[in-house]
Amino acid sequence: MDFALTEEQSMLKENVRNFLEKEIVPVVDEHEKEGPLTKEAAVAFIRRLMPFGYLVGFLPEQYGGSVLEAKTNGILLEELSRAWASLAGTLFIVAGFWWLLNEAGSPEQKERLLPLAASGDYIGCLAITEPNAGSDVAGVELT
């Protein structure tokens, strides 16, 4: 795999880093001292990041996604992790829900739910913790 960034990826990385340094980094300490983000605060931050491809970068265009390939999505996550790791974790979990729905959802579920991801109004999550497996999805026991 070629790890060199394309010119477009380099520009995106620079633009994202500049935005994060100016708009996000200055408020990290304040929010971290307050404890976990509220749903409203998380949605507000995610909506500000969406124009760069966060959250919907892996979704098909028909659902409002921007179809970024894995390396570009990795660049976005890496830059956000550098600026605010806990927000990156939140976004990764939310995006993981939408990704899983896109990969494994029925056509009806995709048509009904994936456009909600592109709106930025909805937060998805995965309920995967089990008593005997924790969050190890491979260890979940079905009864």
N, C-alpha and C. Protein backbone atom coordinates (compact mmCIF):
# COMPACT_ATOMS: atom_id res chain seq x y z
N MET A 1 0.84 -1.18 0.00
CA MET A 1 0.00 0.00 0.00
C MET A 1 0.88 1.24 0.00
N ASP A 2 0.49 2.20 -0.78
CA ASP A 2 1.21 3.46 -0.86
C ASP A 2 0.71 4.38 0.26
N PHE A 3 1.60 4.73 1.18
CA PHE A 3 1.21 5.58 2.31
C PHE A 3 1.41 7.07 2.03
N ALA A 4 1.96 7.40 0.88
CA ALA A 4 2.14 8.80 0.52
C ALA A 4 0.76 9.43 0.29
N LEU A 5 0.61 10.66 0.76
CA LEU A 5 -0.66 11.35 0.59
C LEU A 5 -0.74 11.97 -0.80
N THR A 6 -1.93 11.94 -1.38
CA THR A 6 -2.15 12.64 -2.63
C THR A 6 -2.17 14.14 -2.32
N GLU A 7 -2.12 14.94 -3.35
CA GLU A 7 -2.19 16.39 -3.15
C GLU A 7 -3.51 16.77 -2.48
N GLU A 8 -4.59 16.12 -2.90
CA GLU A 8 -5.90 16.40 -2.31
C GLU A 8 -5.94 16.01 -0.83
N GLN A 9 -5.36 14.87 -0.49
CA GLN A 9 -5.32 14.44 0.91
C GLN A 9 -4.47 15.37 1.75
N SER A 10 -3.36 15.82 1.21
CA SER A 10 -2.50 16.77 1.93
C SER A 10 -3.23 18.07 2.21
N MET A 11 -3.98 18.55 1.21
CA MET A 11 -4.74 19.78 1.39
C MET A 11 -5.84 19.59 2.43
N LEU A 12 -6.53 18.45 2.38
CA LEU A 12 -7.57 18.17 3.36
C LEU A 12 -6.97 18.12 4.76
N LYS A 13 -5.85 17.43 4.90
CA LYS A 13 -5.20 17.32 6.21
C LYS A 13 -4.84 18.70 6.74
N GLU A 14 -4.28 19.54 5.90
CA GLU A 14 -3.90 20.89 6.33
C GLU A 14 -5.13 21.71 6.71
N ASN A 15 -6.18 21.64 5.89
CA ASN A 15 -7.40 22.40 6.18
C ASN A 15 -8.07 21.93 7.47
N VAL A 16 -8.12 20.61 7.65
CA VAL A 16 -8.72 20.06 8.87
C VAL A 16 -7.91 20.46 10.08
N ARG A 17 -6.59 20.33 9.98
CA ARG A 17 -5.74 20.69 11.12
C ARG A 17 -5.91 22.17 11.47
N ASN A 18 -5.93 23.03 10.48
CA ASN A 18 -6.12 24.46 10.74
C ASN A 18 -7.46 24.73 11.42
N PHE A 19 -8.51 24.08 10.92
CA PHE A 19 -9.84 24.25 11.52
C PHE A 19 -9.84 23.77 12.97
N LEU A 20 -9.30 22.58 13.19
CA LEU A 20 -9.28 22.03 14.54
C LEU A 20 -8.48 22.91 15.50
N GLU A 21 -7.34 23.40 15.05
CA GLU A 21 -6.51 24.27 15.90
C GLU A 21 -7.24 25.56 16.26
N LYS A 22 -7.98 26.08 15.31
CA LYS A 22 -8.66 27.36 15.52
C LYS A 22 -9.98 27.21 16.27
N GLU A 23 -10.76 26.18 15.93
CA GLU A 23 -12.13 26.09 16.42
C GLU A 23 -12.36 25.06 17.53
N ILE A 24 -11.55 24.03 17.59
CA ILE A 24 -11.81 22.93 18.53
C ILE A 24 -10.82 22.92 19.69
N VAL A 25 -9.53 22.95 19.38
CA VAL A 25 -8.50 22.86 20.43
C VAL A 25 -8.71 23.88 21.55
N PRO A 26 -9.07 25.13 21.26
CA PRO A 26 -9.23 26.10 22.35
C PRO A 26 -10.32 25.75 23.38
N VAL A 27 -11.26 24.87 23.03
CA VAL A 27 -12.35 24.56 23.96
C VAL A 27 -12.23 23.17 24.59
N VAL A 28 -11.21 22.42 24.22
CA VAL A 28 -11.07 21.05 24.71
C VAL A 28 -10.97 21.00 26.23
N ASP A 29 -10.05 21.74 26.82
CA ASP A 29 -9.85 21.68 28.27
C ASP A 29 -11.13 22.01 29.03
N GLU A 30 -11.82 23.03 28.60
CA GLU A 30 -13.07 23.43 29.26
C GLU A 30 -14.09 22.29 29.23
N HIS A 31 -14.26 21.68 28.06
CA HIS A 31 -15.23 20.59 27.95
C HIS A 31 -14.79 19.34 28.70
N GLU A 32 -13.51 19.06 28.69
CA GLU A 32 -13.01 17.87 29.41
C GLU A 32 -13.23 18.02 30.92
N LYS A 33 -13.09 19.24 31.44
CA LYS A 33 -13.30 19.47 32.87
C LYS A 33 -14.76 19.30 33.26
N GLU A 34 -15.67 19.55 32.32
CA GLU A 34 -17.10 19.44 32.60
C GLU A 34 -17.58 17.99 32.61
N GLY A 35 -16.78 17.08 32.12
CA GLY A 35 -17.20 15.68 32.05
C GLY A 35 -17.66 15.32 30.66
N PRO A 36 -18.36 14.19 30.54
CA PRO A 36 -18.79 13.73 29.21
C PRO A 36 -19.64 14.77 28.49
N LEU A 37 -19.50 14.81 27.18
CA LEU A 37 -20.31 15.72 26.39
C LEU A 37 -21.78 15.33 26.46
N THR A 38 -22.63 16.31 26.49
CA THR A 38 -24.06 16.03 26.36
C THR A 38 -24.33 15.64 24.91
N LYS A 39 -25.47 15.04 24.67
CA LYS A 39 -25.84 14.68 23.30
C LYS A 39 -25.86 15.93 22.43
N GLU A 40 -26.40 17.01 22.96
CA GLU A 40 -26.50 18.25 22.20
C GLU A 40 -25.12 18.79 21.83
N ALA A 41 -24.20 18.75 22.77
CA ALA A 41 -22.84 19.23 22.48
C ALA A 41 -22.15 18.33 21.47
N ALA A 42 -22.31 17.02 21.62
CA ALA A 42 -21.69 16.09 20.67
C ALA A 42 -22.23 16.33 19.27
N VAL A 43 -23.55 16.48 19.14
CA VAL A 43 -24.16 16.74 17.83
C VAL A 43 -23.63 18.05 17.26
N ALA A 44 -23.52 19.08 18.08
CA ALA A 44 -23.02 20.37 17.61
C ALA A 44 -21.59 20.26 17.08
N PHE A 45 -20.72 19.56 17.79
CA PHE A 45 -19.35 19.39 17.32
C PHE A 45 -19.30 18.55 16.04
N ILE A 46 -20.06 17.47 16.02
CA ILE A 46 -20.06 16.61 14.84
C ILE A 46 -20.54 17.37 13.61
N ARG A 47 -21.57 18.17 13.77
CA ARG A 47 -22.09 18.95 12.63
C ARG A 47 -21.04 19.93 12.10
N ARG A 48 -20.23 20.47 12.98
CA ARG A 48 -19.17 21.39 12.54
C ARG A 48 -18.08 20.66 11.77
N LEU A 49 -17.90 19.37 12.06
CA LEU A 49 -16.86 18.58 11.40
C LEU A 49 -17.33 17.94 10.10
N MET A 50 -18.61 17.81 9.91
CA MET A 50 -19.14 17.10 8.75
C MET A 50 -18.72 17.67 7.40
N PRO A 51 -18.58 18.97 7.23
CA PRO A 51 -18.16 19.46 5.92
C PRO A 51 -16.80 18.92 5.44
N PHE A 52 -15.99 18.44 6.37
CA PHE A 52 -14.70 17.87 6.00
C PHE A 52 -14.80 16.39 5.62
N GLY A 53 -15.95 15.78 5.87
CA GLY A 53 -16.14 14.37 5.57
C GLY A 53 -16.30 13.49 6.79
N TYR A 54 -16.20 14.09 7.98
CA TYR A 54 -16.40 13.32 9.20
C TYR A 54 -17.82 12.78 9.23
N LEU A 55 -17.98 11.61 9.77
CA LEU A 55 -19.24 10.91 9.97
C LEU A 55 -19.78 10.26 8.71
N VAL A 56 -19.82 10.96 7.59
CA VAL A 56 -20.44 10.41 6.39
C VAL A 56 -19.43 10.13 5.28
N GLY A 57 -18.15 10.16 5.59
CA GLY A 57 -17.13 9.97 4.57
C GLY A 57 -17.11 8.60 3.95
N PHE A 58 -17.73 7.63 4.58
CA PHE A 58 -17.74 6.27 4.06
C PHE A 58 -19.10 5.88 3.49
N LEU A 59 -20.09 6.77 3.57
CA LEU A 59 -21.43 6.44 3.08
C LEU A 59 -21.56 6.75 1.59
N PRO A 60 -22.39 5.98 0.89
CA PRO A 60 -22.64 6.25 -0.53
C PRO A 60 -23.29 7.63 -0.72
N GLU A 61 -23.03 8.22 -1.86
CA GLU A 61 -23.57 9.55 -2.16
C GLU A 61 -25.09 9.57 -2.12
N GLN A 62 -25.73 8.46 -2.51
CA GLN A 62 -27.20 8.42 -2.55
C GLN A 62 -27.82 8.67 -1.18
N TYR A 63 -27.04 8.49 -0.12
CA TYR A 63 -27.54 8.73 1.24
C TYR A 63 -26.94 10.00 1.84
N GLY A 64 -26.27 10.79 1.05
CA GLY A 64 -25.68 12.03 1.54
C GLY A 64 -24.23 11.91 1.95
N GLY A 65 -23.61 10.77 1.65
CA GLY A 65 -22.21 10.56 2.01
C GLY A 65 -21.27 11.16 0.99
N SER A 66 -19.99 11.09 1.30
CA SER A 66 -18.98 11.64 0.39
C SER A 66 -18.01 10.58 -0.12
N VAL A 67 -18.22 9.32 0.23
CA VAL A 67 -17.47 8.18 -0.29
C VAL A 67 -15.96 8.39 -0.27
N LEU A 68 -15.43 8.74 0.86
CA LEU A 68 -13.98 8.86 1.00
C LEU A 68 -13.40 7.47 1.22
N GLU A 69 -12.23 7.22 0.64
CA GLU A 69 -11.64 5.89 0.84
C GLU A 69 -10.98 5.82 2.21
N ALA A 70 -10.55 4.63 2.57
CA ALA A 70 -10.10 4.34 3.94
C ALA A 70 -8.96 5.25 4.39
N LYS A 71 -8.00 5.49 3.52
CA LYS A 71 -6.85 6.30 3.94
C LYS A 71 -7.28 7.73 4.28
N THR A 72 -8.19 8.29 3.50
CA THR A 72 -8.66 9.64 3.77
C THR A 72 -9.47 9.68 5.07
N ASN A 73 -10.32 8.68 5.29
CA ASN A 73 -11.03 8.60 6.56
C ASN A 73 -10.05 8.47 7.72
N GLY A 74 -8.96 7.73 7.51
CA GLY A 74 -7.92 7.60 8.53
C GLY A 74 -7.25 8.92 8.85
N ILE A 75 -6.99 9.71 7.82
CA ILE A 75 -6.39 11.04 8.01
C ILE A 75 -7.31 11.90 8.87
N LEU A 76 -8.59 11.88 8.57
CA LEU A 76 -9.55 12.66 9.35
C LEU A 76 -9.56 12.24 10.81
N LEU A 77 -9.61 10.94 11.04
CA LEU A 77 -9.64 10.44 12.42
C LEU A 77 -8.33 10.75 13.14
N GLU A 78 -7.22 10.61 12.45
CA GLU A 78 -5.92 10.90 13.07
C GLU A 78 -5.82 12.37 13.48
N GLU A 79 -6.26 13.26 12.62
CA GLU A 79 -6.19 14.69 12.95
C GLU A 79 -7.11 15.04 14.12
N LEU A 80 -8.31 14.48 14.14
CA LEU A 80 -9.22 14.77 15.25
C LEU A 80 -8.68 14.15 16.54
N SER A 81 -8.10 12.97 16.46
CA SER A 81 -7.52 12.33 17.65
C SER A 81 -6.39 13.16 18.22
N ARG A 82 -5.61 13.78 17.36
CA ARG A 82 -4.52 14.64 17.80
C ARG A 82 -5.07 15.87 18.54
N ALA A 83 -6.19 16.39 18.06
CA ALA A 83 -6.76 17.60 18.65
C ALA A 83 -7.59 17.31 19.90
N TRP A 84 -8.40 16.24 19.85
CA TRP A 84 -9.30 15.93 20.97
C TRP A 84 -9.68 14.46 20.88
N ALA A 85 -8.93 13.65 21.59
CA ALA A 85 -9.08 12.19 21.49
C ALA A 85 -10.47 11.71 21.89
N SER A 86 -11.05 12.27 22.93
CA SER A 86 -12.36 11.77 23.36
C SER A 86 -13.45 12.11 22.35
N LEU A 87 -13.37 13.26 21.71
CA LEU A 87 -14.34 13.58 20.65
C LEU A 87 -14.13 12.65 19.46
N ALA A 88 -12.88 12.33 19.16
CA ALA A 88 -12.60 11.38 18.08
C ALA A 88 -13.21 10.03 18.40
N GLY A 89 -13.10 9.60 19.65
CA GLY A 89 -13.71 8.33 20.06
C GLY A 89 -15.21 8.35 19.91
N THR A 90 -15.83 9.44 20.32
CA THR A 90 -17.28 9.59 20.17
C THR A 90 -17.67 9.51 18.70
N LEU A 91 -16.97 10.26 17.88
CA LEU A 91 -17.29 10.28 16.45
C LEU A 91 -17.06 8.91 15.82
N PHE A 92 -16.01 8.22 16.24
CA PHE A 92 -15.71 6.89 15.70
C PHE A 92 -16.83 5.91 16.02
N ILE A 93 -17.37 5.98 17.23
CA ILE A 93 -18.47 5.09 17.61
C ILE A 93 -19.73 5.42 16.81
N VAL A 94 -20.04 6.70 16.70
CA VAL A 94 -21.22 7.10 15.94
C VAL A 94 -21.07 6.70 14.48
N ALA A 95 -19.91 6.98 13.90
CA ALA A 95 -19.68 6.61 12.50
C ALA A 95 -19.71 5.10 12.32
N GLY A 96 -19.23 4.37 13.32
CA GLY A 96 -19.26 2.91 13.25
C GLY A 96 -20.67 2.37 13.13
N PHE A 97 -21.60 2.99 13.83
CA PHE A 97 -23.00 2.59 13.72
C PHE A 97 -23.49 2.77 12.29
N TRP A 98 -23.25 3.96 11.73
CA TRP A 98 -23.73 4.23 10.37
C TRP A 98 -23.03 3.33 9.35
N TRP A 99 -21.74 3.08 9.56
CA TRP A 99 -21.01 2.18 8.66
C TRP A 99 -21.62 0.78 8.69
N LEU A 100 -21.87 0.26 9.91
CA LEU A 100 -22.44 -1.08 10.04
C LEU A 100 -23.82 -1.15 9.40
N LEU A 101 -24.62 -0.13 9.59
CA LEU A 101 -25.94 -0.11 8.96
C LEU A 101 -25.80 -0.13 7.44
N ASN A 102 -24.85 0.62 6.90
CA ASN A 102 -24.63 0.63 5.46
C ASN A 102 -24.15 -0.73 4.95
N GLU A 103 -23.31 -1.40 5.72
CA GLU A 103 -22.76 -2.69 5.30
C GLU A 103 -23.75 -3.85 5.48
N ALA A 104 -24.54 -3.84 6.55
CA ALA A 104 -25.34 -5.01 6.89
C ALA A 104 -26.85 -4.75 6.97
N GLY A 105 -27.25 -3.51 6.84
CA GLY A 105 -28.68 -3.21 6.95
C GLY A 105 -29.45 -3.66 5.73
N SER A 106 -30.74 -3.86 5.91
CA SER A 106 -31.61 -4.21 4.79
C SER A 106 -31.77 -2.97 3.90
N PRO A 107 -32.17 -3.17 2.65
CA PRO A 107 -32.41 -2.00 1.79
C PRO A 107 -33.40 -1.01 2.41
N GLU A 108 -34.42 -1.53 3.06
CA GLU A 108 -35.41 -0.66 3.69
C GLU A 108 -34.80 0.15 4.83
N GLN A 109 -33.96 -0.51 5.65
CA GLN A 109 -33.30 0.21 6.74
C GLN A 109 -32.38 1.29 6.20
N LYS A 110 -31.65 0.97 5.16
CA LYS A 110 -30.73 1.96 4.57
C LYS A 110 -31.50 3.16 4.05
N GLU A 111 -32.57 2.92 3.30
CA GLU A 111 -33.36 4.01 2.73
C GLU A 111 -33.96 4.90 3.81
N ARG A 112 -34.38 4.29 4.90
CA ARG A 112 -35.05 5.03 5.96
C ARG A 112 -34.07 5.74 6.89
N LEU A 113 -32.94 5.08 7.21
CA LEU A 113 -32.08 5.58 8.28
C LEU A 113 -30.81 6.30 7.82
N LEU A 114 -30.19 5.85 6.74
CA LEU A 114 -28.90 6.46 6.36
C LEU A 114 -29.00 7.94 6.02
N PRO A 115 -30.10 8.41 5.40
CA PRO A 115 -30.19 9.86 5.19
C PRO A 115 -30.16 10.66 6.50
N LEU A 116 -30.56 10.03 7.60
CA LEU A 116 -30.52 10.71 8.90
C LEU A 116 -29.08 10.99 9.32
N ALA A 117 -28.15 10.11 8.93
CA ALA A 117 -26.74 10.33 9.26
C ALA A 117 -26.25 11.61 8.61
N ALA A 118 -26.61 11.80 7.35
CA ALA A 118 -26.15 12.97 6.62
C ALA A 118 -26.73 14.27 7.15
N SER A 119 -27.85 14.18 7.87
CA SER A 119 -28.45 15.39 8.43
C SER A 119 -27.64 15.91 9.61
N GLY A 120 -26.91 15.01 10.27
CA GLY A 120 -26.16 15.41 11.46
C GLY A 120 -27.01 15.53 12.70
N ASP A 121 -28.30 15.25 12.58
CA ASP A 121 -29.21 15.39 13.72
C ASP A 121 -29.30 14.13 14.58
N TYR A 122 -28.81 13.03 14.06
CA TYR A 122 -29.00 11.76 14.74
C TYR A 122 -27.66 11.14 15.13
N ILE A 123 -27.63 10.59 16.33
CA ILE A 123 -26.45 9.90 16.84
C ILE A 123 -26.79 8.42 16.89
N GLY A 124 -25.99 7.61 16.26
CA GLY A 124 -26.17 6.16 16.33
C GLY A 124 -25.23 5.59 17.37
N CYS A 125 -25.52 4.39 17.80
CA CYS A 125 -24.63 3.73 18.75
C CYS A 125 -24.75 2.22 18.57
N LEU A 126 -23.84 1.51 19.15
CA LEU A 126 -23.85 0.06 19.11
C LEU A 126 -23.98 -0.46 20.53
N ALA A 127 -24.97 -1.29 20.77
CA ALA A 127 -25.17 -1.89 22.09
C ALA A 127 -24.58 -3.30 22.05
N ILE A 128 -23.31 -3.41 22.43
CA ILE A 128 -22.63 -4.69 22.25
C ILE A 128 -22.07 -5.28 23.53
N THR A 129 -22.30 -4.65 24.66
CA THR A 129 -21.72 -5.16 25.90
C THR A 129 -22.59 -6.28 26.47
N GLU A 130 -21.97 -7.40 26.77
CA GLU A 130 -22.65 -8.57 27.32
C GLU A 130 -21.96 -9.01 28.60
N PRO A 131 -22.70 -9.61 29.54
CA PRO A 131 -22.10 -10.01 30.82
C PRO A 131 -20.89 -10.92 30.70
N ASN A 132 -20.92 -11.87 29.79
CA ASN A 132 -19.83 -12.84 29.68
C ASN A 132 -18.76 -12.45 28.67
N ALA A 133 -18.98 -11.35 27.94
CA ALA A 133 -18.03 -11.01 26.88
C ALA A 133 -17.55 -9.57 26.94
N GLY A 134 -18.13 -8.75 27.78
CA GLY A 134 -17.77 -7.33 27.77
C GLY A 134 -18.16 -6.75 26.42
N SER A 135 -17.23 -6.06 25.78
CA SER A 135 -17.49 -5.49 24.46
C SER A 135 -16.80 -6.28 23.35
N ASP A 136 -16.42 -7.51 23.64
CA ASP A 136 -15.80 -8.39 22.65
C ASP A 136 -16.91 -9.06 21.84
N VAL A 137 -17.24 -8.48 20.68
CA VAL A 137 -18.37 -9.00 19.91
C VAL A 137 -18.15 -10.44 19.46
N ALA A 138 -16.91 -10.86 19.32
CA ALA A 138 -16.65 -12.25 18.93
C ALA A 138 -16.95 -13.21 20.07
N GLY A 139 -17.01 -12.72 21.29
CA GLY A 139 -17.25 -13.57 22.44
C GLY A 139 -18.68 -13.58 22.93
N VAL A 140 -19.58 -12.86 22.25
CA VAL A 140 -20.97 -12.80 22.67
C VAL A 140 -21.60 -14.18 22.50
N GLU A 141 -22.35 -14.59 23.51
CA GLU A 141 -23.04 -15.89 23.48
C GLU A 141 -24.52 -15.66 23.23
N LEU A 142 -25.04 -16.31 22.23
CA LEU A 142 -26.46 -16.19 21.92
C LEU A 142 -27.23 -17.32 22.58
N THR A 143 -28.41 -17.01 23.06
CA THR A 143 -29.24 -18.06 23.69
C THR A 143 -30.52 -18.24 22.91
